[in-house]
Amino acid sequence: MTASRLRSVLATIATAATILALTTTPAQAAAPGGAYTGLGNCPLTSATMKDPSNVQVGCFFSVTNGGSVTIGSTTVAFDSPITLQFGVYWPAAAPVREFPDGTVANVYSTVPAANGKTLVAKPLQVTLPGIANIIPGVTSVFAQVELAGPITEFVPLATGENTPVFVLPVKLHLFNALFGTKCYIGSDSTPIRFSPTTGTTSPPAPNQPVTGDAGTLTVEPDPNGFETLGVGFTGATLVDNAYPVPKATGCGLIPGSLDPLINLAFGLPSAAGKNAVVFSGNNTTFALSPSLDDLNKALAASA
C-alpha cells in the first residue's frame, strides 16, 4: 500500500470516528505481539492519551540498527541499536501537513514512553581529534545521547517526502576521567535538533543534499476485528544534514574549565551545513486507532 493510499485510509477512520468519553482498561500483563510487537512501553494510562477530544491515538516503536553522527570533521558510527518509543495523539484541532503533490498527512503530538524509555541508546565512544585512543575514557570520550525535550512534529506518513518525519531534540552527555559529570554538547534550552527525513535534504553549504530511503511500508488490519491498524516500516533510512551544534558547557572537574578545550577539539559551535546524522536500518512498529479503548483491547488481544 502506498503512503498516499494509507493517508486516505487513516483519514476515513478519523472522519468516521465519534470520540466519546473513554474508560481505559488496565495495562496488559503480557507484551503485545504480532503487528504490535515492541509496543509494551506505550503510555496508555497517560492523562494526555485519555483525553476524549483526541481524534486518534496510537503507539510507536522503532529500532535504528546503524548510521552515524557527524559534528564538523568528527564522525561517530552508531555501533549498537538505538530505540525510540512513545505514544501519539492527533488532537481535536486535527493539524496536517500538505505535500507538493496535494496529499496531506496527519501531524501527531507525542507522549513520552512509560518508565522513562522514550530514547534508549548505549554510549558512543568518540576518539579525541588528534589523540591516539590508548585508554578508553581517558584518551577518548564516551558520549551518551539524551533527550533534551519533547519529540514534536511527528508525521509518520511523510515517508518518501522531502520533509522531516519528526523533530528530535537531543544533548550529548560527555564522559571522560577529566570532564566531570556535567559536560554536555547541547542542553534542554539549546538542544541539537535532528529533523530527519526519508526524502531529500536541503542543507546550507558546504553540505550537499542527501536522500534517505522510505523502506518498505506494510499495513495490517487488526486480526481480532478491532479498528486499530498496525503499520510497519522496515529498512528505512532517515537523514539530516542541516542542523547546527552549539558549544560545550559544564566540562571539567571545575565545571566549565574545559569547555574551550572541547570546543576547540570538535570545532564548536558548528554551524548548520557542517554536520550530519544518518539513522539507517530502521524497523518501526506503529499502531493507530480512533479510540483509546479500542487500542487497549487490540494490544491486549495480541499478547
C-alpha atoms as a PDB file:
ATOM      1  CA  MET A   1       0.000   0.000   0.000  1.00  0.00           C
ATOM      2  CA  THR A   2       1.353   3.449  -0.908  1.00  0.00           C
ATOM      3  CA  ALA A   3       1.737   6.217   1.650  1.00  0.00           C
ATOM      4  CA  SER A   4      -0.917   8.279  -0.154  1.00  0.00           C
ATOM      5  CA  ARG A   5      -3.382   5.395  -0.003  1.00  0.00           C
ATOM      6  CA  LEU A   6      -2.662   4.870   3.671  1.00  0.00           C
ATOM      7  CA  ARG A   7      -3.287   8.555   4.330  1.00  0.00           C
ATOM      8  CA  SER A   8      -6.734   8.108   2.792  1.00  0.00           C
ATOM      9  CA  VAL A   9      -7.414   5.055   4.973  1.00  0.00           C
ATOM     10  CA  LEU A  10      -6.447   6.902   8.127  1.00  0.00           C
ATOM     11  CA  ALA A  11      -8.463   9.949   7.113  1.00  0.00           C
ATOM     12  CA  THR A  12     -11.517   7.703   6.685  1.00  0.00           C
ATOM     13  CA  ILE A  13     -11.028   6.295  10.179  1.00  0.00           C
ATOM     14  CA  ALA A  14     -10.773   9.804  11.612  1.00  0.00           C
ATOM     15  CA  THR A  15     -13.886  11.020   9.792  1.00  0.00           C
ATOM     16  CA  ALA A  16     -15.972   8.010  10.796  1.00  0.00           C
ATOM     17  CA  ALA A  17     -14.909   8.031  14.449  1.00  0.00           C
ATOM     18  CA  THR A  18     -17.190   9.541  17.075  1.00  0.00           C
ATOM     19  CA  ILE A  19     -14.980  10.086  20.097  1.00  0.00           C
ATOM     20  CA  LEU A  20     -16.825   9.504  23.397  1.00  0.00           C
ATOM     21  CA  ALA A  21     -15.602   9.597  26.992  1.00  0.00           C
ATOM     22  CA  LEU A  22     -13.125   6.725  27.285  1.00  0.00           C
ATOM     23  CA  THR A  23     -12.542   4.288  30.101  1.00  0.00           C
ATOM     24  CA  THR A  24      -9.090   2.759  29.870  1.00  0.00           C
ATOM     25  CA  THR A  25      -8.668  -0.913  30.586  1.00  0.00           C
ATOM     26  CA  PRO A  26      -5.781  -1.932  32.859  1.00  0.00           C
ATOM     27  CA  ALA A  27      -2.393  -2.356  31.192  1.00  0.00           C
ATOM     28  CA  GLN A  28      -1.995  -5.834  29.769  1.00  0.00           C
ATOM     29  CA  ALA A  29       0.198  -8.259  31.686  1.00  0.00           C
ATOM     30  CA  ALA A  30       1.811  -9.746  28.598  1.00  0.00           C
ATOM     31  CA  ALA A  31       3.656  -7.776  25.916  1.00  0.00           C
ATOM     32  CA  PRO A  32       1.793  -7.080  22.663  1.00  0.00           C
ATOM     33  CA  GLY A  33       2.659  -9.364  19.763  1.00  0.00           C
ATOM     34  CA  GLY A  34       2.104  -9.773  16.049  1.00  0.00           C
ATOM     35  CA  ALA A  35       1.838  -6.440  14.258  1.00  0.00           C
ATOM     36  CA  TYR A  36       2.097  -4.688  17.649  1.00  0.00           C
ATOM     37  CA  THR A  37       5.381  -6.237  18.796  1.00  0.00           C
ATOM     38  CA  GLY A  38       7.524  -3.770  20.755  1.00  0.00           C
ATOM     39  CA  LEU A  39       4.679  -1.553  21.983  1.00  0.00           C
ATOM     40  CA  GLY A  40       4.819  -2.692  25.611  1.00  0.00           C
ATOM     41  CA  ASN A  41       6.057   0.689  26.892  1.00  0.00           C
ATOM     42  CA  CYS A  42       3.295   2.703  25.227  1.00  0.00           C
ATOM     43  CA  PRO A  43       1.931   5.231  27.793  1.00  0.00           C
ATOM     44  CA  LEU A  44      -1.676   4.000  27.575  1.00  0.00           C
ATOM     45  CA  THR A  45      -2.538   5.299  31.059  1.00  0.00           C
ATOM     46  CA  SER A  46      -1.310   8.840  30.364  1.00  0.00           C
ATOM     47  CA  ALA A  47      -3.887  11.546  31.028  1.00  0.00           C
ATOM     48  CA  THR A  48      -2.996  13.071  27.661  1.00  0.00           C
ATOM     49  CA  MET A  49      -3.754   9.809  25.869  1.00  0.00           C
ATOM     50  CA  LYS A  50      -7.066   9.559  27.747  1.00  0.00           C
ATOM     51  CA  ASP A  51      -8.290  12.985  26.594  1.00  0.00           C
ATOM     52  CA  PRO A  52     -11.677  12.275  24.952  1.00  0.00           C
ATOM     53  CA  SER A  53     -11.167  15.112  22.457  1.00  0.00           C
ATOM     54  CA  ASN A  54      -8.345  13.241  20.724  1.00  0.00           C
ATOM     55  CA  VAL A  55      -9.322  12.197  17.216  1.00  0.00           C
ATOM     56  CA  GLN A  56      -6.772   9.364  17.045  1.00  0.00           C
ATOM     57  CA  VAL A  57      -4.337   7.734  19.455  1.00  0.00           C
ATOM     58  CA  GLY A  58      -1.511   5.315  18.891  1.00  0.00           C
ATOM     59  CA  CYS A  59       1.807   3.775  19.869  1.00  0.00           C
ATOM     60  CA  PHE A  60       5.200   3.995  18.179  1.00  0.00           C
ATOM     61  CA  PHE A  61       8.321   1.806  18.493  1.00  0.00           C
ATOM     62  CA  SER A  62      11.404   1.984  16.290  1.00  0.00           C
ATOM     63  CA  VAL A  63      14.873   0.456  16.326  1.00  0.00           C
ATOM     64  CA  THR A  64      17.763   2.053  14.431  1.00  0.00           C
ATOM     65  CA  ASN A  65      20.391  -0.554  13.623  1.00  0.00           C
ATOM     66  CA  GLY A  66      23.083   1.602  12.035  1.00  0.00           C
ATOM     67  CA  GLY A  67      24.148   5.016  10.859  1.00  0.00           C
ATOM     68  CA  SER A  68      26.369   7.768  12.217  1.00  0.00           C
ATOM     69  CA  VAL A  69      26.507  11.307  13.553  1.00  0.00           C
ATOM     70  CA  THR A  70      28.938  13.931  12.278  1.00  0.00           C
ATOM     71  CA  ILE A  71      29.924  17.100  14.113  1.00  0.00           C
ATOM     72  CA  GLY A  72      32.261  19.142  11.966  1.00  0.00           C
ATOM     73  CA  SER A  73      35.105  16.821  10.974  1.00  0.00           C
ATOM     74  CA  THR A  74      34.323  14.181  13.633  1.00  0.00           C
ATOM     75  CA  THR A  75      32.119  11.239  12.627  1.00  0.00           C
ATOM     76  CA  VAL A  76      30.968   8.577  15.084  1.00  0.00           C
ATOM     77  CA  ALA A  77      29.230   5.383  13.978  1.00  0.00           C
ATOM     78  CA  PHE A  78      26.151   4.060  15.751  1.00  0.00           C
ATOM     79  CA  ASP A  79      27.611   0.690  16.680  1.00  0.00           C
ATOM     80  CA  SER A  80      24.666  -0.524  18.769  1.00  0.00           C
ATOM     81  CA  PRO A  81      20.876  -0.261  18.322  1.00  0.00           C
ATOM     82  CA  ILE A  82      19.005   2.922  19.248  1.00  0.00           C
ATOM     83  CA  THR A  83      15.409   2.531  20.405  1.00  0.00           C
ATOM     84  CA  LEU A  84      12.801   5.266  20.118  1.00  0.00           C
ATOM     85  CA  GLN A  85       9.296   4.736  21.513  1.00  0.00           C
ATOM     86  CA  PHE A  86       6.344   6.903  22.552  1.00  0.00           C
ATOM     87  CA  GLY A  87       2.603   7.355  22.433  1.00  0.00           C
ATOM     88  CA  VAL A  88       0.912   9.613  19.901  1.00  0.00           C
ATOM     89  CA  TYR A  89      -2.351  11.508  19.647  1.00  0.00           C
ATOM     90  CA  TRP A  90      -3.996  13.575  16.949  1.00  0.00           C
ATOM     91  CA  PRO A  91      -5.600  16.472  18.816  1.00  0.00           C
ATOM     92  CA  ALA A  92      -9.030  17.915  18.161  1.00  0.00           C
ATOM     93  CA  ALA A  93      -7.502  20.685  16.033  1.00  0.00           C
ATOM     94  CA  ALA A  94      -6.534  17.926  13.543  1.00  0.00           C
ATOM     95  CA  PRO A  95      -3.281  19.510  12.224  1.00  0.00           C
ATOM     96  CA  VAL A  96      -2.000  18.254   8.870  1.00  0.00           C
ATOM     97  CA  ARG A  97       0.999  18.802   6.617  1.00  0.00           C
ATOM     98  CA  GLU A  98       0.374  19.285   2.894  1.00  0.00           C
ATOM     99  CA  PHE A  99       2.824  17.910   0.346  1.00  0.00           C
ATOM    100  CA  PRO A 100       3.634  19.248  -3.142  1.00  0.00           C
ATOM    101  CA  ASP A 101       1.504  16.564  -4.808  1.00  0.00           C
ATOM    102  CA  GLY A 102      -1.574  17.878  -2.953  1.00  0.00           C
ATOM    103  CA  THR A 103      -1.839  14.994  -0.477  1.00  0.00           C
ATOM    104  CA  VAL A 104      -1.833  15.618   3.247  1.00  0.00           C
ATOM    105  CA  ALA A 105      -0.703  13.681   6.307  1.00  0.00           C
ATOM    106  CA  ASN A 106      -1.652  13.998   9.959  1.00  0.00           C
ATOM    107  CA  VAL A 107       0.731  15.811  12.317  1.00  0.00           C
ATOM    108  CA  TYR A 108       0.738  13.987  15.658  1.00  0.00           C
ATOM    109  CA  SER A 109       1.782  15.092  19.116  1.00  0.00           C
ATOM    110  CA  THR A 110       3.776  12.667  21.239  1.00  0.00           C
ATOM    111  CA  VAL A 111       3.659  11.358  24.808  1.00  0.00           C
ATOM    112  CA  PRO A 112       6.844  10.029  26.482  1.00  0.00           C
ATOM    113  CA  ALA A 113       7.115   6.270  26.873  1.00  0.00           C
ATOM    114  CA  ALA A 114       6.356   4.576  30.157  1.00  0.00           C
ATOM    115  CA  ASN A 115       9.304   4.048  32.535  1.00  0.00           C
ATOM    116  CA  GLY A 116      11.368   6.864  31.004  1.00  0.00           C
ATOM    117  CA  LYS A 117      12.357   4.783  27.988  1.00  0.00           C
ATOM    118  CA  THR A 118      11.499   7.156  25.146  1.00  0.00           C
ATOM    119  CA  LEU A 119      15.102   7.124  23.869  1.00  0.00           C
ATOM    120  CA  VAL A 120      17.344   4.182  24.731  1.00  0.00           C
ATOM    121  CA  ALA A 121      20.924   4.181  23.421  1.00  0.00           C
ATOM    122  CA  LYS A 122      24.285   2.914  24.604  1.00  0.00           C
ATOM    123  CA  PRO A 123      27.147   5.417  24.989  1.00  0.00           C
ATOM    124  CA  LEU A 124      29.203   6.096  21.856  1.00  0.00           C
ATOM    125  CA  GLN A 125      32.998   6.064  22.073  1.00  0.00           C
ATOM    126  CA  VAL A 126      34.470   9.162  20.443  1.00  0.00           C
ATOM    127  CA  THR A 127      38.199   9.382  19.745  1.00  0.00           C
ATOM    128  CA  LEU A 128      39.502  12.826  20.627  1.00  0.00           C
ATOM    129  CA  PRO A 129      40.721  14.564  17.458  1.00  0.00           C
ATOM    130  CA  GLY A 130      44.494  14.340  17.184  1.00  0.00           C
ATOM    131  CA  ILE A 131      44.941  11.878  20.085  1.00  0.00           C
ATOM    132  CA  ALA A 132      45.512   8.132  19.773  1.00  0.00           C
ATOM    133  CA  ASN A 133      42.882   6.187  21.704  1.00  0.00           C
ATOM    134  CA  ILE A 134      45.086   4.226  24.114  1.00  0.00           C
ATOM    135  CA  ILE A 135      42.926   4.268  27.243  1.00  0.00           C
ATOM    136  CA  PRO A 136      39.139   4.418  26.559  1.00  0.00           C
ATOM    137  CA  GLY A 137      37.533   7.102  28.682  1.00  0.00           C
ATOM    138  CA  VAL A 138      40.865   8.896  29.165  1.00  0.00           C
ATOM    139  CA  THR A 139      42.231   9.317  25.638  1.00  0.00           C
ATOM    140  CA  SER A 140      38.678   9.095  24.295  1.00  0.00           C
ATOM    141  CA  VAL A 141      35.236  10.335  25.280  1.00  0.00           C
ATOM    142  CA  PHE A 142      32.024   8.414  25.811  1.00  0.00           C
ATOM    143  CA  ALA A 143      29.017  10.352  24.516  1.00  0.00           C
ATOM    144  CA  GLN A 144      25.543   9.449  25.754  1.00  0.00           C
ATOM    145  CA  VAL A 145      22.688  10.677  23.567  1.00  0.00           C
ATOM    146  CA  GLU A 146      19.900  12.017  25.796  1.00  0.00           C
ATOM    147  CA  LEU A 147      16.550  13.645  25.073  1.00  0.00           C
ATOM    148  CA  ALA A 148      16.535  17.416  25.540  1.00  0.00           C
ATOM    149  CA  GLY A 149      12.787  17.973  25.236  1.00  0.00           C
ATOM    150  CA  PRO A 150       9.641  16.514  23.707  1.00  0.00           C
ATOM    151  CA  ILE A 151       9.595  14.971  20.229  1.00  0.00           C
ATOM    152  CA  THR A 152       7.458  17.208  18.024  1.00  0.00           C
ATOM    153  CA  GLU A 153       6.026  17.471  14.507  1.00  0.00           C
ATOM    154  CA  PHE A 154       5.610  13.699  14.158  1.00  0.00           C
ATOM    155  CA  VAL A 155       4.401  12.937  10.630  1.00  0.00           C
ATOM    156  CA  PRO A 156       4.782   9.166  10.173  1.00  0.00           C
ATOM    157  CA  LEU A 157       3.353   9.255   6.656  1.00  0.00           C
ATOM    158  CA  ALA A 158       5.929  11.766   5.453  1.00  0.00           C
ATOM    159  CA  THR A 159       7.918   8.760   4.240  1.00  0.00           C
ATOM    160  CA  GLY A 160       9.382   9.478   0.816  1.00  0.00           C
ATOM    161  CA  GLU A 161       8.564  13.187   1.042  1.00  0.00           C
ATOM    162  CA  ASN A 162      11.191  15.926   1.354  1.00  0.00           C
ATOM    163  CA  THR A 163      10.048  16.848   4.831  1.00  0.00           C
ATOM    164  CA  PRO A 164      11.048  15.725   8.350  1.00  0.00           C
ATOM    165  CA  VAL A 165       9.295  12.743   9.909  1.00  0.00           C
ATOM    166  CA  PHE A 166       9.762  14.311  13.356  1.00  0.00           C
ATOM    167  CA  VAL A 167      11.895  16.800  15.278  1.00  0.00           C
ATOM    168  CA  LEU A 168      14.127  15.113  17.868  1.00  0.00           C
ATOM    169  CA  PRO A 169      15.882  17.445  20.360  1.00  0.00           C
ATOM    170  CA  VAL A 170      18.953  15.845  21.951  1.00  0.00           C
ATOM    171  CA  LYS A 171      22.020  16.671  24.001  1.00  0.00           C
ATOM    172  CA  LEU A 172      25.304  14.748  24.158  1.00  0.00           C
ATOM    173  CA  HIS A 173      26.467  13.934  27.683  1.00  0.00           C
ATOM    174  CA  LEU A 174      30.270  13.577  27.509  1.00  0.00           C
ATOM    175  CA  PHE A 175      32.107  11.272  29.915  1.00  0.00           C
ATOM    176  CA  ASN A 176      35.862  11.323  30.441  1.00  0.00           C
ATOM    177  CA  ALA A 177      38.099  10.989  33.509  1.00  0.00           C
ATOM    178  CA  LEU A 178      38.737  14.735  33.456  1.00  0.00           C
ATOM    179  CA  PHE A 179      35.359  16.027  32.269  1.00  0.00           C
ATOM    180  CA  GLY A 180      33.312  15.787  35.455  1.00  0.00           C
ATOM    181  CA  THR A 181      29.639  14.788  35.465  1.00  0.00           C
ATOM    182  CA  LYS A 182      28.014  17.845  33.854  1.00  0.00           C
ATOM    183  CA  CYS A 183      29.780  18.040  30.494  1.00  0.00           C
ATOM    184  CA  TYR A 184      27.323  18.438  27.615  1.00  0.00           C
ATOM    185  CA  ILE A 185      27.144  19.451  23.996  1.00  0.00           C
ATOM    186  CA  GLY A 186      23.638  20.865  23.728  1.00  0.00           C
ATOM    187  CA  SER A 187      21.175  21.390  26.551  1.00  0.00           C
ATOM    188  CA  ASP A 188      17.458  21.452  27.283  1.00  0.00           C
ATOM    189  CA  SER A 189      17.404  25.162  26.420  1.00  0.00           C
ATOM    190  CA  THR A 190      19.766  24.895  23.430  1.00  0.00           C
ATOM    191  CA  PRO A 191      19.424  21.362  22.048  1.00  0.00           C
ATOM    192  CA  ILE A 192      20.757  19.739  18.919  1.00  0.00           C
ATOM    193  CA  ARG A 193      17.607  19.407  16.814  1.00  0.00           C
ATOM    194  CA  PHE A 194      17.575  16.456  14.454  1.00  0.00           C
ATOM    195  CA  SER A 195      14.877  16.789  11.777  1.00  0.00           C
ATOM    196  CA  PRO A 196      15.417  13.596   9.783  1.00  0.00           C
ATOM    197  CA  THR A 197      13.672  12.788   6.523  1.00  0.00           C
ATOM    198  CA  THR A 198      13.412   9.763   4.252  1.00  0.00           C
ATOM    199  CA  GLY A 199      13.329  12.212   1.344  1.00  0.00           C
ATOM    200  CA  THR A 200      15.998  14.682   0.212  1.00  0.00           C
ATOM    201  CA  THR A 201      17.538  17.338   2.456  1.00  0.00           C
ATOM    202  CA  SER A 202      18.148  20.998   1.610  1.00  0.00           C
ATOM    203  CA  PRO A 203      21.191  21.928   3.708  1.00  0.00           C
ATOM    204  CA  PRO A 204      23.229  25.121   3.626  1.00  0.00           C
ATOM    205  CA  ALA A 205      26.733  24.927   2.136  1.00  0.00           C
ATOM    206  CA  PRO A 206      29.161  23.272   2.303  1.00  0.00           C
ATOM    207  CA  ASN A 207      26.914  20.219   2.812  1.00  0.00           C
ATOM    208  CA  GLN A 208      25.169  18.878  -0.278  1.00  0.00           C
ATOM    209  CA  PRO A 209      21.650  17.388  -0.450  1.00  0.00           C
ATOM    210  CA  VAL A 210      21.415  13.756   0.593  1.00  0.00           C
ATOM    211  CA  THR A 211      18.496  11.367   0.222  1.00  0.00           C
ATOM    212  CA  GLY A 212      17.117   8.814   2.654  1.00  0.00           C
ATOM    213  CA  ASP A 213      15.060   5.722   1.958  1.00  0.00           C
ATOM    214  CA  ALA A 214      11.403   5.165   2.873  1.00  0.00           C
ATOM    215  CA  GLY A 215      11.964   1.428   3.177  1.00  0.00           C
ATOM    216  CA  THR A 216       9.010  -0.951   2.906  1.00  0.00           C
ATOM    217  CA  LEU A 217       5.566   0.032   4.177  1.00  0.00           C
ATOM    218  CA  THR A 218       3.062  -2.569   5.399  1.00  0.00           C
ATOM    219  CA  VAL A 219      -0.436  -2.139   6.807  1.00  0.00           C
ATOM    220  CA  GLU A 220      -2.208  -4.854   8.788  1.00  0.00           C
ATOM    221  CA  PRO A 221      -5.862  -4.581   9.859  1.00  0.00           C
ATOM    222  CA  ASP A 222      -6.356  -5.878  13.383  1.00  0.00           C
ATOM    223  CA  PRO A 223      -6.690  -9.697  13.269  1.00  0.00           C
ATOM    224  CA  ASN A 224      -9.313  -9.649  16.017  1.00  0.00           C
ATOM    225  CA  GLY A 225     -11.626  -7.163  14.337  1.00  0.00           C
ATOM    226  CA  PHE A 226     -10.695  -4.011  16.262  1.00  0.00           C
ATOM    227  CA  GLU A 227     -10.421  -0.664  14.467  1.00  0.00           C
ATOM    228  CA  THR A 228      -6.716  -0.389  15.276  1.00  0.00           C
ATOM    229  CA  LEU A 229      -4.307  -0.544  12.330  1.00  0.00           C
ATOM    230  CA  GLY A 230      -0.800  -1.964  12.539  1.00  0.00           C
ATOM    231  CA  VAL A 231       1.598  -0.011  10.339  1.00  0.00           C
ATOM    232  CA  GLY A 232       5.159  -1.193   9.752  1.00  0.00           C
ATOM    233  CA  PHE A 233       8.194   0.415   8.132  1.00  0.00           C
ATOM    234  CA  THR A 234      11.245  -1.788   7.541  1.00  0.00           C
ATOM    235  CA  GLY A 235      14.685  -0.938   6.199  1.00  0.00           C
ATOM    236  CA  ALA A 236      14.155   2.837   6.224  1.00  0.00           C
ATOM    237  CA  THR A 237      16.994   5.378   6.303  1.00  0.00           C
ATOM    238  CA  LEU A 238      16.441   8.853   7.754  1.00  0.00           C
ATOM    239  CA  VAL A 239      18.914  11.678   7.141  1.00  0.00           C
ATOM    240  CA  ASP A 240      19.508  15.250   8.255  1.00  0.00           C
ATOM    241  CA  ASN A 241      22.486  17.449   7.415  1.00  0.00           C
ATOM    242  CA  ALA A 242      21.085  20.916   8.057  1.00  0.00           C
ATOM    243  CA  TYR A 243      21.323  21.306  11.859  1.00  0.00           C
ATOM    244  CA  PRO A 244      23.770  23.424  13.910  1.00  0.00           C
ATOM    245  CA  VAL A 245      25.598  22.177  17.022  1.00  0.00           C
ATOM    246  CA  PRO A 246      26.108  24.531  19.993  1.00  0.00           C
ATOM    247  CA  LYS A 247      29.148  24.937  22.259  1.00  0.00           C
ATOM    248  CA  ALA A 248      30.018  22.545  25.077  1.00  0.00           C
ATOM    249  CA  THR A 249      29.080  23.517  28.625  1.00  0.00           C
ATOM    250  CA  GLY A 250      29.887  22.313  32.146  1.00  0.00           C
ATOM    251  CA  CYS A 251      33.058  20.399  31.217  1.00  0.00           C
ATOM    252  CA  GLY A 252      35.883  19.839  33.688  1.00  0.00           C
ATOM    253  CA  LEU A 253      36.308  18.859  37.322  1.00  0.00           C
ATOM    254  CA  ILE A 254      35.651  22.554  37.836  1.00  0.00           C
ATOM    255  CA  PRO A 255      32.537  22.814  35.608  1.00  0.00           C
ATOM    256  CA  GLY A 256      33.246  24.954  32.573  1.00  0.00           C
ATOM    257  CA  SER A 257      37.031  24.953  32.899  1.00  0.00           C
ATOM    258  CA  LEU A 258      37.488  22.568  29.961  1.00  0.00           C
ATOM    259  CA  ASP A 259      34.759  23.995  27.728  1.00  0.00           C
ATOM    260  CA  PRO A 260      37.323  25.815  25.491  1.00  0.00           C
ATOM    261  CA  LEU A 261      39.266  22.573  25.005  1.00  0.00           C
ATOM    262  CA  ILE A 262      36.156  20.621  23.960  1.00  0.00           C
ATOM    263  CA  ASN A 263      35.038  23.454  21.687  1.00  0.00           C
ATOM    264  CA  LEU A 264      38.463  23.569  20.030  1.00  0.00           C
ATOM    265  CA  ALA A 265      38.694  19.778  19.633  1.00  0.00           C
ATOM    266  CA  PHE A 266      35.283  19.414  17.991  1.00  0.00           C
ATOM    267  CA  GLY A 267      35.085  22.808  16.278  1.00  0.00           C
ATOM    268  CA  LEU A 268      32.155  24.075  18.318  1.00  0.00           C
ATOM    269  CA  PRO A 269      29.887  25.776  17.768  1.00  0.00           C
ATOM    270  CA  SER A 270      29.473  24.016  14.426  1.00  0.00           C
ATOM    271  CA  ALA A 271      27.235  25.862  12.002  1.00  0.00           C
ATOM    272  CA  ALA A 272      24.420  24.271  10.018  1.00  0.00           C
ATOM    273  CA  GLY A 273      25.868  22.780   6.860  1.00  0.00           C
ATOM    274  CA  LYS A 274      28.848  21.195   8.620  1.00  0.00           C
ATOM    275  CA  ASN A 275      27.059  18.396  10.482  1.00  0.00           C
ATOM    276  CA  ALA A 276      25.061  15.297   9.569  1.00  0.00           C
ATOM    277  CA  VAL A 277      23.177  12.385  11.055  1.00  0.00           C
ATOM    278  CA  VAL A 278      22.114   9.121   9.413  1.00  0.00           C
ATOM    279  CA  PHE A 279      19.683   6.682  11.021  1.00  0.00           C
ATOM    280  CA  SER A 280      19.839   3.524   8.903  1.00  0.00           C
ATOM    281  CA  GLY A 281      18.273   0.088   9.112  1.00  0.00           C
ATOM    282  CA  ASN A 282      15.171   1.434  10.842  1.00  0.00           C
ATOM    283  CA  ASN A 283      12.429  -1.049  11.670  1.00  0.00           C
ATOM    284  CA  THR A 284       9.267   0.540  13.006  1.00  0.00           C
ATOM    285  CA  THR A 285       6.004  -0.629  14.544  1.00  0.00           C
ATOM    286  CA  PHE A 286       3.136   1.863  14.642  1.00  0.00           C
ATOM    287  CA  ALA A 287      -0.385   1.173  15.916  1.00  0.00           C
ATOM    288  CA  LEU A 288      -3.156   3.706  15.356  1.00  0.00           C
ATOM    289  CA  SER A 289      -6.817   3.786  16.405  1.00  0.00           C
ATOM    290  CA  PRO A 290      -9.726   6.235  16.650  1.00  0.00           C
ATOM    291  CA  SER A 291     -10.310   5.064  20.232  1.00  0.00           C
ATOM    292  CA  LEU A 292      -8.043   4.508  23.220  1.00  0.00           C
ATOM    293  CA  ASP A 293     -10.388   1.792  24.434  1.00  0.00           C
ATOM    294  CA  ASP A 294     -10.115   0.049  21.068  1.00  0.00           C
ATOM    295  CA  LEU A 295      -6.314   0.432  21.084  1.00  0.00           C
ATOM    296  CA  ASN A 296      -6.052  -1.066  24.561  1.00  0.00           C
ATOM    297  CA  LYS A 297      -8.196  -4.034  23.599  1.00  0.00           C
ATOM    298  CA  ALA A 298      -6.326  -4.621  20.350  1.00  0.00           C
ATOM    299  CA  LEU A 299      -2.943  -4.639  22.098  1.00  0.00           C
ATOM    300  CA  ALA A 300      -4.235  -6.889  24.898  1.00  0.00           C
ATOM    301  CA  ALA A 301      -5.747  -9.368  22.454  1.00  0.00           C
ATOM    302  CA  SER A 302      -2.463  -9.622  20.549  1.00  0.00           C
ATOM    303  CA  ALA A 303      -0.430 -10.724  23.578  1.00  0.00           C
END
